[in-house]
Protein backbone atom coordinates (compact mmCIF):
# COMPACT_ATOMS: atom_id res chain seq x y z
CA SER A 1 77.57 198.89 129.67
CA ASN A 2 77.68 201.38 132.17
CA PHE A 3 75.06 199.72 134.81
CA ARG A 4 75.27 201.15 138.04
CA PHE A 5 72.83 200.01 140.47
CA GLY A 6 72.21 203.37 142.28
CA GLU A 7 69.77 204.99 144.94
CA ASN A 8 66.48 204.59 143.16
CA HIS A 9 66.96 201.07 141.94
CA ALA A 10 67.35 200.05 146.04
CA ILE A 11 63.89 201.94 146.77
CA MET A 12 62.19 200.43 143.75
CA GLY A 13 63.10 197.12 144.99
CA VAL A 14 61.82 197.75 148.46
CA ALA A 15 58.81 199.20 147.41
CA PHE A 16 58.49 196.06 145.11
CA SER A 17 58.83 194.21 148.14
CA TRP A 18 56.05 195.71 150.47
CA ILE A 19 53.60 195.93 147.27
CA MET A 20 54.00 192.43 147.20
CA ALA A 21 53.86 190.94 150.04
CA LEU A 22 50.86 193.23 151.54
CA ALA A 23 48.94 191.88 148.06
CA CYS A 24 49.95 188.28 149.59
CA ALA A 25 49.34 189.44 153.25
CA ALA A 26 45.58 191.53 152.90
CA PRO A 27 43.34 189.54 151.40
CA PRO A 28 43.19 187.14 154.62
CA LEU A 29 43.08 190.28 157.01
CA PHE A 30 40.06 191.15 154.93
CA GLY A 31 37.61 188.04 154.67
CA TRP A 32 38.75 186.91 151.51
CA SER A 33 40.01 182.42 151.81
CA ARG A 34 42.65 182.19 154.40
CA TYR A 35 46.05 180.38 154.99
CA ILE A 36 46.41 177.02 156.27
CA PRO A 37 49.17 174.54 156.94
CA GLU A 38 51.06 172.89 154.08
CA GLY A 39 53.29 169.86 153.36
CA MET A 40 54.83 169.03 157.10
CA GLN A 41 52.99 171.70 158.67
CA CYS A 42 56.13 173.86 158.87
CA SER A 43 55.37 176.93 156.01
CA CYS A 44 51.47 178.42 155.24
CA GLY A 45 49.55 178.95 151.76
CA ILE A 46 46.07 180.02 150.35
CA ASP A 47 43.40 177.54 151.14
CA TYR A 48 42.76 175.62 147.85
CA TYR A 49 41.07 172.85 149.44
CA THR A 50 37.78 174.57 150.71
CA LEU A 51 35.16 174.88 149.25
CA LYS A 52 32.63 176.73 150.94
CA PRO A 53 32.12 180.40 148.11
CA GLU A 54 32.35 181.95 151.89
CA VAL A 55 35.82 181.52 152.12
CA ASN A 56 37.23 181.67 149.03
């Protein structure tokens, strides 16, 4: 096959990365769910533990 990684592929990769990052980061900014520290308190994740409807 004769595949070349071109400028369009790079642009699509960067755009996809930004879209996925915004999809993960935006909901807590609008009041839907929140992030809490996980595991050894060195990273954050979505709060699956709080059962209050106003948080989730």
